[in-house]
PDB file of all heavy atoms in Angstrom:
ATOM      1  N   ASN A   1      -4.388 -15.026  15.163  1.00  0.00           N
ATOM      2  CA  ASN A   1      -4.092 -15.461  13.797  1.00  0.00           C
ATOM      3  C   ASN A   1      -2.935 -16.462  13.844  1.00  0.00           C
ATOM      4  O   ASN A   1      -1.879 -16.168  14.411  1.00  0.00           O
ATOM      5  CB  ASN A   1      -3.722 -14.256  12.936  1.00  0.00           C
ATOM      6  CG  ASN A   1      -3.516 -14.626  11.470  1.00  0.00           C
ATOM      7  OD1 ASN A   1      -2.640 -15.419  11.129  1.00  0.00           O
ATOM      8  ND2 ASN A   1      -4.335 -14.058  10.610  1.00  0.00           N
ATOM      9  N   PRO A   2      -3.077 -17.635  13.247  1.00  0.00           N
ATOM     10  CA  PRO A   2      -2.048 -18.678  13.398  1.00  0.00           C
ATOM     11  C   PRO A   2      -0.698 -18.311  12.807  1.00  0.00           C
ATOM     12  O   PRO A   2       0.329 -18.838  13.248  1.00  0.00           O
ATOM     13  CB  PRO A   2      -2.664 -19.879  12.664  1.00  0.00           C
ATOM     14  CG  PRO A   2      -3.684 -19.304  11.731  1.00  0.00           C
ATOM     15  CD  PRO A   2      -4.236 -18.102  12.451  1.00  0.00           C
ATOM     16  N   LEU A   3      -0.658 -17.415  11.839  1.00  0.00           N
ATOM     17  CA  LEU A   3       0.633 -17.061  11.252  1.00  0.00           C
ATOM     18  C   LEU A   3       1.479 -16.193  12.175  1.00  0.00           C
ATOM     19  O   LEU A   3       2.704 -16.119  12.013  1.00  0.00           O
ATOM     20  CB  LEU A   3       0.426 -16.354   9.907  1.00  0.00           C
ATOM     21  CG  LEU A   3      -0.157 -17.218   8.792  1.00  0.00           C
ATOM     22  CD1 LEU A   3      -0.277 -16.431   7.502  1.00  0.00           C
ATOM     23  CD2 LEU A   3       0.669 -18.484   8.573  1.00  0.00           C
ATOM     24  N   LEU A   4       0.856 -15.547  13.153  1.00  0.00           N
ATOM     25  CA  LEU A   4       1.620 -14.719  14.088  1.00  0.00           C
ATOM     26  C   LEU A   4       2.486 -15.566  15.012  1.00  0.00           C
ATOM     27  O   LEU A   4       3.421 -15.047  15.644  1.00  0.00           O
ATOM     28  CB  LEU A   4       0.672 -13.839  14.907  1.00  0.00           C
ATOM     29  CG  LEU A   4      -0.188 -12.852  14.119  1.00  0.00           C
ATOM     30  CD1 LEU A   4      -1.076 -12.049  15.063  1.00  0.00           C
ATOM     31  CD2 LEU A   4       0.678 -11.920  13.275  1.00  0.00           C
ATOM     32  N   ARG A   5       2.191 -16.858  15.098  1.00  0.00           N
ATOM     33  CA  ARG A   5       2.960 -17.753  15.971  1.00  0.00           C
ATOM     34  C   ARG A   5       3.632 -18.882  15.204  1.00  0.00           C
ATOM     35  O   ARG A   5       4.249 -19.757  15.804  1.00  0.00           O
ATOM     36  CB  ARG A   5       2.036 -18.352  17.042  1.00  0.00           C
ATOM     37  CG  ARG A   5       1.349 -17.332  17.928  1.00  0.00           C
ATOM     38  CD  ARG A   5       0.475 -17.986  18.987  1.00  0.00           C
ATOM     39  NE  ARG A   5      -0.509 -18.890  18.389  1.00  0.00           N
ATOM     40  CZ  ARG A   5      -1.657 -18.488  17.838  1.00  0.00           C
ATOM     41  NH1 ARG A   5      -1.960 -17.195  17.807  1.00  0.00           N
ATOM     42  NH2 ARG A   5      -2.501 -19.364  17.322  1.00  0.00           N
ATOM     43  N   ALA A   6       3.492 -18.905  13.891  1.00  0.00           N
ATOM     44  CA  ALA A   6       4.028 -20.005  13.098  1.00  0.00           C
ATOM     45  C   ALA A   6       5.559 -19.934  13.027  1.00  0.00           C
ATOM     46  O   ALA A   6       6.159 -18.860  13.080  1.00  0.00           O
ATOM     47  CB  ALA A   6       3.433 -19.976  11.698  1.00  0.00           C
ATOM     48  N   LYS A   7       6.197 -21.097  12.898  1.00  0.00           N
ATOM     49  CA  LYS A   7       7.649 -21.169  12.764  1.00  0.00           C
ATOM     50  C   LYS A   7       8.094 -20.587  11.422  1.00  0.00           C
ATOM     51  O   LYS A   7       7.416 -20.755  10.407  1.00  0.00           O
ATOM     52  CB  LYS A   7       8.104 -22.624  12.861  1.00  0.00           C
ATOM     53  CG  LYS A   7       7.957 -23.254  14.229  1.00  0.00           C
ATOM     54  CD  LYS A   7       8.211 -24.746  14.188  1.00  0.00           C
ATOM     55  CE  LYS A   7       9.560 -25.099  13.579  1.00  0.00           C
ATOM     56  NZ  LYS A   7       9.806 -26.566  13.588  1.00  0.00           N
ATOM     57  N   ASN A   8       9.222 -19.926  11.436  1.00  0.00           N
ATOM     58  CA  ASN A   8       9.862 -19.450  10.199  1.00  0.00           C
ATOM     59  C   ASN A   8       8.902 -18.644   9.330  1.00  0.00           C
ATOM     60  O   ASN A   8       8.859 -18.798   8.108  1.00  0.00           O
ATOM     61  CB  ASN A   8      10.427 -20.628   9.400  1.00  0.00           C
ATOM     62  CG  ASN A   8      11.430 -21.427  10.202  1.00  0.00           C
ATOM     63  OD1 ASN A   8      12.223 -20.861  10.951  1.00  0.00           O
ATOM     64  ND2 ASN A   8      11.385 -22.744  10.071  1.00  0.00           N
ATOM     65  N   CYS A   9       8.141 -17.778   9.980  1.00  0.00           N
ATOM     66  CA  CYS A   9       7.159 -16.968   9.254  1.00  0.00           C
ATOM     67  C   CYS A   9       7.366 -15.490   9.590  1.00  0.00           C
ATOM     68  O   CYS A   9       7.288 -15.093  10.757  1.00  0.00           O
ATOM     69  CB  CYS A   9       5.739 -17.393   9.617  1.00  0.00           C
ATOM     70  SG  CYS A   9       4.474 -16.572   8.625  1.00  0.00           S
ATOM     71  N   ILE A  10       7.627 -14.712   8.574  1.00  0.00           N
ATOM     72  CA  ILE A  10       7.740 -13.265   8.717  1.00  0.00           C
ATOM     73  C   ILE A  10       6.385 -12.652   8.390  1.00  0.00           C
ATOM     74  O   ILE A  10       5.788 -12.965   7.356  1.00  0.00           O
ATOM     75  CB  ILE A  10       8.806 -12.704   7.760  1.00  0.00           C
ATOM     76  CG1 ILE A  10      10.184 -13.276   8.079  1.00  0.00           C
ATOM     77  CG2 ILE A  10       8.832 -11.179   7.809  1.00  0.00           C
ATOM     78  CD1 ILE A  10      11.216 -13.002   7.002  1.00  0.00           C
ATOM     79  N   VAL A  11       5.889 -11.783   9.266  1.00  0.00           N
ATOM     80  CA  VAL A  11       4.622 -11.083   9.022  1.00  0.00           C
ATOM     81  C   VAL A  11       4.876  -9.589   9.174  1.00  0.00           C
ATOM     82  O   VAL A  11       5.345  -9.139  10.227  1.00  0.00           O
ATOM     83  CB  VAL A  11       3.517 -11.535   9.999  1.00  0.00           C
ATOM     84  CG1 VAL A  11       2.192 -10.839   9.666  1.00  0.00           C
ATOM     85  CG2 VAL A  11       3.341 -13.053   9.968  1.00  0.00           C
ATOM     86  N   THR A  12       4.575  -8.833   8.137  1.00  0.00           N
ATOM     87  CA  THR A  12       4.704  -7.376   8.185  1.00  0.00           C
ATOM     88  C   THR A  12       3.332  -6.743   7.962  1.00  0.00           C
ATOM     89  O   THR A  12       2.448  -7.356   7.353  1.00  0.00           O
ATOM     90  CB  THR A  12       5.713  -6.868   7.133  1.00  0.00           C
ATOM     91  OG1 THR A  12       5.371  -7.397   5.850  1.00  0.00           O
ATOM     92  CG2 THR A  12       7.123  -7.301   7.493  1.00  0.00           C
ATOM     93  N   PRO A  13       3.115  -5.519   8.449  1.00  0.00           N
ATOM     94  CA  PRO A  13       1.769  -4.933   8.519  1.00  0.00           C
ATOM     95  C   PRO A  13       1.318  -4.198   7.256  1.00  0.00           C
ATOM     96  O   PRO A  13       1.002  -3.018   7.288  1.00  0.00           O
ATOM     97  CB  PRO A  13       1.877  -3.982   9.715  1.00  0.00           C
ATOM     98  CG  PRO A  13       3.296  -3.524   9.681  1.00  0.00           C
ATOM     99  CD  PRO A  13       4.087  -4.713   9.222  1.00  0.00           C
ATOM    100  N   HIS A  14       1.270  -4.915   6.135  1.00  0.00           N
ATOM    101  CA  HIS A  14       0.738  -4.400   4.866  1.00  0.00           C
ATOM    102  C   HIS A  14       1.415  -3.081   4.488  1.00  0.00           C
ATOM    103  O   HIS A  14       0.763  -2.050   4.292  1.00  0.00           O
ATOM    104  CB  HIS A  14      -0.781  -4.222   4.952  1.00  0.00           C
ATOM    105  CG  HIS A  14      -1.445  -4.253   3.606  1.00  0.00           C
ATOM    106  ND1 HIS A  14      -2.682  -4.800   3.402  1.00  0.00           N
ATOM    107  CD2 HIS A  14      -1.036  -3.804   2.380  1.00  0.00           C
ATOM    108  CE1 HIS A  14      -3.017  -4.678   2.118  1.00  0.00           C
ATOM    109  NE2 HIS A  14      -2.016  -4.081   1.486  1.00  0.00           N
ATOM    110  N   ILE A  15       2.743  -3.139   4.344  1.00  0.00           N
ATOM    111  CA  ILE A  15       3.503  -1.912   4.089  1.00  0.00           C
ATOM    112  C   ILE A  15       4.251  -1.931   2.759  1.00  0.00           C
ATOM    113  O   ILE A  15       4.983  -0.977   2.448  1.00  0.00           O
ATOM    114  CB  ILE A  15       4.506  -1.631   5.227  1.00  0.00           C
ATOM    115  CG1 ILE A  15       5.436  -2.825   5.458  1.00  0.00           C
ATOM    116  CG2 ILE A  15       3.767  -1.259   6.502  1.00  0.00           C
ATOM    117  CD1 ILE A  15       6.562  -2.551   6.450  1.00  0.00           C
ATOM    118  N   ALA A  16       4.096  -2.989   1.952  1.00  0.00           N
ATOM    119  CA  ALA A  16       4.844  -3.050   0.692  1.00  0.00           C
ATOM    120  C   ALA A  16       4.543  -1.855  -0.205  1.00  0.00           C
ATOM    121  O   ALA A  16       5.405  -1.390  -0.951  1.00  0.00           O
ATOM    122  CB  ALA A  16       4.528  -4.354  -0.044  1.00  0.00           C
ATOM    123  N   TRP A  17       3.341  -1.332  -0.118  1.00  0.00           N
ATOM    124  CA  TRP A  17       2.883  -0.237  -0.990  1.00  0.00           C
ATOM    125  C   TRP A  17       3.255   1.147  -0.467  1.00  0.00           C
ATOM    126  O   TRP A  17       3.106   2.137  -1.179  1.00  0.00           O
ATOM    127  CB  TRP A  17       1.357  -0.288  -1.075  1.00  0.00           C
ATOM    128  CG  TRP A  17       0.705   0.082   0.236  1.00  0.00           C
ATOM    129  CD1 TRP A  17       0.597  -0.706   1.341  1.00  0.00           C
ATOM    130  CD2 TRP A  17       0.123   1.336   0.583  1.00  0.00           C
ATOM    131  NE1 TRP A  17      -0.026  -0.016   2.365  1.00  0.00           N
ATOM    132  CE2 TRP A  17      -0.327   1.246   1.918  1.00  0.00           C
ATOM    133  CE3 TRP A  17      -0.071   2.537  -0.117  1.00  0.00           C
ATOM    134  CZ2 TRP A  17      -0.963   2.291   2.577  1.00  0.00           C
ATOM    135  CZ3 TRP A  17      -0.697   3.588   0.543  1.00  0.00           C
ATOM    136  CH2 TRP A  17      -1.141   3.457   1.880  1.00  0.00           C
ATOM    137  N   ALA A  18       3.760   1.240   0.773  1.00  0.00           N
ATOM    138  CA  ALA A  18       3.656   2.478   1.532  1.00  0.00           C
ATOM    139  C   ALA A  18       4.880   3.375   1.524  1.00  0.00           C
ATOM    140  O   ALA A  18       4.987   4.275   2.355  1.00  0.00           O
ATOM    141  CB  ALA A  18       3.270   2.156   2.978  1.00  0.00           C
ATOM    142  N   THR A  19       5.820   3.193   0.608  1.00  0.00           N
ATOM    143  CA  THR A  19       6.901   4.178   0.525  1.00  0.00           C
ATOM    144  C   THR A  19       6.316   5.554   0.199  1.00  0.00           C
ATOM    145  O   THR A  19       5.251   5.666  -0.422  1.00  0.00           O
ATOM    146  CB  THR A  19       7.901   3.795  -0.583  1.00  0.00           C
ATOM    147  OG1 THR A  19       7.223   3.794  -1.841  1.00  0.00           O
ATOM    148  CG2 THR A  19       8.522   2.432  -0.327  1.00  0.00           C
ATOM    149  N   LYS A  20       7.009   6.597   0.602  1.00  0.00           N
ATOM    150  CA  LYS A  20       6.517   7.937   0.306  1.00  0.00           C
ATOM    151  C   LYS A  20       6.426   8.170  -1.198  1.00  0.00           C
ATOM    152  O   LYS A  20       5.494   8.816  -1.690  1.00  0.00           O
ATOM    153  CB  LYS A  20       7.419   8.994   0.945  1.00  0.00           C
ATOM    154  CG  LYS A  20       6.888  10.412   0.765  1.00  0.00           C
ATOM    155  CD  LYS A  20       7.738  11.445   1.480  1.00  0.00           C
ATOM    156  CE  LYS A  20       7.134  12.849   1.304  1.00  0.00           C
ATOM    157  NZ  LYS A  20       7.968  13.879   1.971  1.00  0.00           N
ATOM    158  N   GLU A  21       7.390   7.605  -1.928  1.00  0.00           N
ATOM    159  CA  GLU A  21       7.368   7.762  -3.379  1.00  0.00           C
ATOM    160  C   GLU A  21       6.109   7.146  -3.980  1.00  0.00           C
ATOM    161  O   GLU A  21       5.453   7.750  -4.851  1.00  0.00           O
ATOM    162  CB  GLU A  21       8.615   7.131  -4.001  1.00  0.00           C
ATOM    163  CG  GLU A  21       9.916   7.825  -3.640  1.00  0.00           C
ATOM    164  CD  GLU A  21      10.512   7.391  -2.310  1.00  0.00           C
ATOM    165  OE1 GLU A  21       9.852   6.620  -1.568  1.00  0.00           O
ATOM    166  OE2 GLU A  21      11.645   7.820  -2.005  1.00  0.00           O
ATOM    167  N   ALA A  22       5.768   5.939  -3.530  1.00  0.00           N
ATOM    168  CA  ALA A  22       4.581   5.267  -4.066  1.00  0.00           C
ATOM    169  C   ALA A  22       3.308   5.997  -3.652  1.00  0.00           C
ATOM    170  O   ALA A  22       2.378   6.148  -4.460  1.00  0.00           O
ATOM    171  CB  ALA A  22       4.538   3.819  -3.587  1.00  0.00           C
ATOM    172  N   ARG A  23       3.253   6.468  -2.405  1.00  0.00           N
ATOM    173  CA  ARG A  23       2.057   7.182  -1.963  1.00  0.00           C
ATOM    174  C   ARG A  23       1.885   8.508  -2.702  1.00  0.00           C
ATOM    175  O   ARG A  23       0.758   8.937  -2.973  1.00  0.00           O
ATOM    176  CB  ARG A  23       2.110   7.393  -0.445  1.00  0.00           C
ATOM    177  CG  ARG A  23       1.923   6.095   0.337  1.00  0.00           C
ATOM    178  CD  ARG A  23       1.879   6.304   1.842  1.00  0.00           C
ATOM    179  NE  ARG A  23       3.161   6.701   2.397  1.00  0.00           N
ATOM    180  CZ  ARG A  23       3.475   7.905   2.832  1.00  0.00           C
ATOM    181  NH1 ARG A  23       2.559   8.885   2.786  1.00  0.00           N
ATOM    182  NH2 ARG A  23       4.665   8.172   3.328  1.00  0.00           N
ATOM    183  N   THR A  24       3.010   9.148  -3.019  1.00  0.00           N
ATOM    184  CA  THR A  24       2.937  10.378  -3.817  1.00  0.00           C
ATOM    185  C   THR A  24       2.340  10.089  -5.191  1.00  0.00           C
ATOM    186  O   THR A  24       1.468  10.824  -5.676  1.00  0.00           O
ATOM    187  CB  THR A  24       4.330  11.009  -3.962  1.00  0.00           C
ATOM    188  OG1 THR A  24       4.826  11.347  -2.660  1.00  0.00           O
ATOM    189  CG2 THR A  24       4.274  12.258  -4.816  1.00  0.00           C
ATOM    190  N   ARG A  25       2.812   9.016  -5.835  1.00  0.00           N
ATOM    191  CA  ARG A  25       2.258   8.635  -7.140  1.00  0.00           C
ATOM    192  C   ARG A  25       0.780   8.298  -7.028  1.00  0.00           C
ATOM    193  O   ARG A  25      -0.027   8.640  -7.904  1.00  0.00           O
ATOM    194  CB  ARG A  25       3.026   7.446  -7.712  1.00  0.00           C
ATOM    195  CG  ARG A  25       4.402   7.782  -8.249  1.00  0.00           C
ATOM    196  CD  ARG A  25       4.982   6.635  -9.057  1.00  0.00           C
ATOM    197  NE  ARG A  25       5.238   5.452  -8.239  1.00  0.00           N
ATOM    198  CZ  ARG A  25       6.383   5.219  -7.606  1.00  0.00           C
ATOM    199  NH1 ARG A  25       7.387   6.093  -7.687  1.00  0.00           N
ATOM    200  NH2 ARG A  25       6.542   4.117  -6.905  1.00  0.00           N
ATOM    201  N   LEU A  26       0.410   7.631  -5.926  1.00  0.00           N
ATOM    202  CA  LEU A  26      -0.987   7.247  -5.728  1.00  0.00           C
ATOM    203  C   LEU A  26      -1.885   8.482  -5.658  1.00  0.00           C
ATOM    204  O   LEU A  26      -2.929   8.551  -6.318  1.00  0.00           O
ATOM    205  CB  LEU A  26      -1.101   6.411  -4.456  1.00  0.00           C
ATOM    206  CG  LEU A  26      -2.416   5.673  -4.190  1.00  0.00           C
ATOM    207  CD1 LEU A  26      -2.180   4.526  -3.213  1.00  0.00           C
ATOM    208  CD2 LEU A  26      -3.484   6.591  -3.630  1.00  0.00           C
ATOM    209  N   LEU A  27      -1.483   9.454  -4.861  1.00  0.00           N
ATOM    210  CA  LEU A  27      -2.286  10.656  -4.714  1.00  0.00           C
ATOM    211  C   LEU A  27      -2.385  11.419  -6.034  1.00  0.00           C
ATOM    212  O   LEU A  27      -3.473  11.893  -6.414  1.00  0.00           O
ATOM    213  CB  LEU A  27      -1.698  11.547  -3.615  1.00  0.00           C
ATOM    214  CG  LEU A  27      -2.464  12.836  -3.296  1.00  0.00           C
ATOM    215  CD1 LEU A  27      -3.922  12.551  -2.968  1.00  0.00           C
ATOM    216  CD2 LEU A  27      -1.788  13.581  -2.152  1.00  0.00           C
ATOM    217  N   GLU A  28      -1.275  11.524  -6.752  1.00  0.00           N
ATOM    218  CA  GLU A  28      -1.296  12.213  -8.043  1.00  0.00           C
ATOM    219  C   GLU A  28      -2.212  11.479  -9.024  1.00  0.00           C
ATOM    220  O   GLU A  28      -2.965  12.113  -9.785  1.00  0.00           O
ATOM    221  CB  GLU A  28       0.120  12.315  -8.610  1.00  0.00           C
ATOM    222  CG  GLU A  28       1.038  13.234  -7.827  1.00  0.00           C
ATOM    223  CD  GLU A  28       0.514  14.663  -7.781  1.00  0.00           C
ATOM    224  OE1 GLU A  28       0.142  15.200  -8.836  1.00  0.00           O
ATOM    225  OE2 GLU A  28       0.460  15.237  -6.672  1.00  0.00           O
ATOM    226  N   ALA A  29      -2.180  10.146  -9.014  1.00  0.00           N
ATOM    227  CA  ALA A  29      -3.034   9.369  -9.910  1.00  0.00           C
ATOM    228  C   ALA A  29      -4.505   9.507  -9.524  1.00  0.00           C
ATOM    229  O   ALA A  29      -5.383   9.561 -10.395  1.00  0.00           O
ATOM    230  CB  ALA A  29      -2.616   7.904  -9.886  1.00  0.00           C
ATOM    231  N   ALA A  30      -4.789   9.575  -8.221  1.00  0.00           N
ATOM    232  CA  ALA A  30      -6.172   9.760  -7.775  1.00  0.00           C
ATOM    233  C   ALA A  30      -6.726  11.091  -8.267  1.00  0.00           C
ATOM    234  O   ALA A  30      -7.887  11.182  -8.703  1.00  0.00           O
ATOM    235  CB  ALA A  30      -6.243   9.679  -6.253  1.00  0.00           C
ATOM    236  N   ILE A  31      -5.898  12.120  -8.219  1.00  0.00           N
ATOM    237  CA  ILE A  31      -6.318  13.434  -8.708  1.00  0.00           C
ATOM    238  C   ILE A  31      -6.526  13.402 -10.220  1.00  0.00           C
ATOM    239  O   ILE A  31      -7.511  13.948 -10.741  1.00  0.00           O
ATOM    240  CB  ILE A  31      -5.278  14.502  -8.302  1.00  0.00           C
ATOM    241  CG1 ILE A  31      -5.263  14.669  -6.782  1.00  0.00           C
ATOM    242  CG2 ILE A  31      -5.563  15.832  -8.983  1.00  0.00           C
ATOM    243  CD1 ILE A  31      -4.079  15.444  -6.254  1.00  0.00           C
ATOM    244  N   ALA A  32      -5.622  12.740 -10.931  1.00  0.00           N
ATOM    245  CA  ALA A  32      -5.756  12.626 -12.386  1.00  0.00           C
ATOM    246  C   ALA A  32      -7.014  11.852 -12.766  1.00  0.00           C
ATOM    247  O   ALA A  32      -7.737  12.221 -13.714  1.00  0.00           O
ATOM    248  CB  ALA A  32      -4.520  11.949 -12.972  1.00  0.00           C
ATOM    249  N   ASN A  33      -7.319  10.781 -12.029  1.00  0.00           N
ATOM    250  CA  ASN A  33      -8.547  10.025 -12.279  1.00  0.00           C
ATOM    251  C   ASN A  33      -9.778  10.911 -12.125  1.00  0.00           C
ATOM    252  O   ASN A  33     -10.704  10.881 -12.946  1.00  0.00           O
ATOM    253  CB  ASN A  33      -8.659   8.853 -11.299  1.00  0.00           C
ATOM    254  CG  ASN A  33      -7.818   7.659 -11.696  1.00  0.00           C
ATOM    255  OD1 ASN A  33      -7.225   7.615 -12.771  1.00  0.00           O
ATOM    256  ND2 ASN A  33      -7.756   6.672 -10.819  1.00  0.00           N
ATOM    257  N   LEU A  34      -9.804  11.684 -11.037  1.00  0.00           N
ATOM    258  CA  LEU A  34     -10.956  12.537 -10.767  1.00  0.00           C
ATOM    259  C   LEU A  34     -11.087  13.633 -11.823  1.00  0.00           C
ATOM    260  O   LEU A  34     -12.193  13.893 -12.324  1.00  0.00           O
ATOM    261  CB  LEU A  34     -10.836  13.148  -9.374  1.00  0.00           C
ATOM    262  CG  LEU A  34     -11.950  14.120  -8.958  1.00  0.00           C
ATOM    263  CD1 LEU A  34     -13.330  13.496  -9.129  1.00  0.00           C
ATOM    264  CD2 LEU A  34     -11.732  14.595  -7.519  1.00  0.00           C
ATOM    265  N   ARG A  35      -9.990  14.263 -12.187  1.00  0.00           N
ATOM    266  CA  ARG A  35     -10.056  15.311 -13.210  1.00  0.00           C
ATOM    267  C   ARG A  35     -10.532  14.745 -14.543  1.00  0.00           C
ATOM    268  O   ARG A  35     -11.322  15.387 -15.254  1.00  0.00           O
ATOM    269  CB  ARG A  35      -8.679  15.971 -13.373  1.00  0.00           C
ATOM    270  CG  ARG A  35      -8.293  16.878 -12.211  1.00  0.00           C
ATOM    271  CD  ARG A  35      -7.103  17.751 -12.575  1.00  0.00           C
ATOM    272  NE  ARG A  35      -6.705  18.626 -11.487  1.00  0.00           N
ATOM    273  CZ  ARG A  35      -7.289  19.783 -11.194  1.00  0.00           C
ATOM    274  NH1 ARG A  35      -8.331  20.186 -11.921  1.00  0.00           N
ATOM    275  NH2 ARG A  35      -6.864  20.528 -10.195  1.00  0.00           N
ATOM    276  N   ALA A  36     -10.074  13.560 -14.898  1.00  0.00           N
ATOM    277  CA  ALA A  36     -10.508  12.946 -16.156  1.00  0.00           C
ATOM    278  C   ALA A  36     -12.003  12.676 -16.130  1.00  0.00           C
ATOM    279  O   ALA A  36     -12.717  12.886 -17.129  1.00  0.00           O
ATOM    280  CB  ALA A  36      -9.729  11.659 -16.397  1.00  0.00           C
ATOM    281  N   PHE A  37     -12.507  12.217 -14.980  1.00  0.00           N
ATOM    282  CA  PHE A  37     -13.951  11.977 -14.850  1.00  0.00           C
ATOM    283  C   PHE A  37     -14.730  13.279 -15.005  1.00  0.00           C
ATOM    284  O   PHE A  37     -15.729  13.346 -15.735  1.00  0.00           O
ATOM    285  CB  PHE A  37     -14.242  11.341 -13.498  1.00  0.00           C
ATOM    286  CG  PHE A  37     -15.708  11.259 -13.164  1.00  0.00           C
ATOM    287  CD1 PHE A  37     -16.514  10.295 -13.741  1.00  0.00           C
ATOM    288  CD2 PHE A  37     -16.284  12.165 -12.274  1.00  0.00           C
ATOM    289  CE1 PHE A  37     -17.871  10.215 -13.442  1.00  0.00           C
ATOM    290  CE2 PHE A  37     -17.632  12.103 -11.972  1.00  0.00           C
ATOM    291  CZ  PHE A  37     -18.428  11.133 -12.562  1.00  0.00           C
ATOM    292  N   LEU A  38     -14.272  14.321 -14.334  1.00  0.00           N
ATOM    293  CA  LEU A  38     -14.985  15.602 -14.398  1.00  0.00           C
ATOM    294  C   LEU A  38     -14.907  16.216 -15.796  1.00  0.00           C
ATOM    295  O   LEU A  38     -15.815  16.951 -16.209  1.00  0.00           O
ATOM    296  CB  LEU A  38     -14.392  16.566 -13.371  1.00  0.00           C
ATOM    297  CG  LEU A  38     -14.580  16.150 -11.897  1.00  0.00           C
ATOM    298  CD1 LEU A  38     -13.838  17.102 -10.977  1.00  0.00           C
ATOM    299  CD2 LEU A  38     -16.051  16.086 -11.525  1.00  0.00           C
TER     300      LEU A  38
END
């Protein structure tokens, strides 16, 4: 991938979403979505 070698380019592995706090909210929302459907 050309960005892995580009000058002045920071590349991080898709982690902006991945704090424990955000993942906790995600799981709770997934459960709420499913319960609402049922």
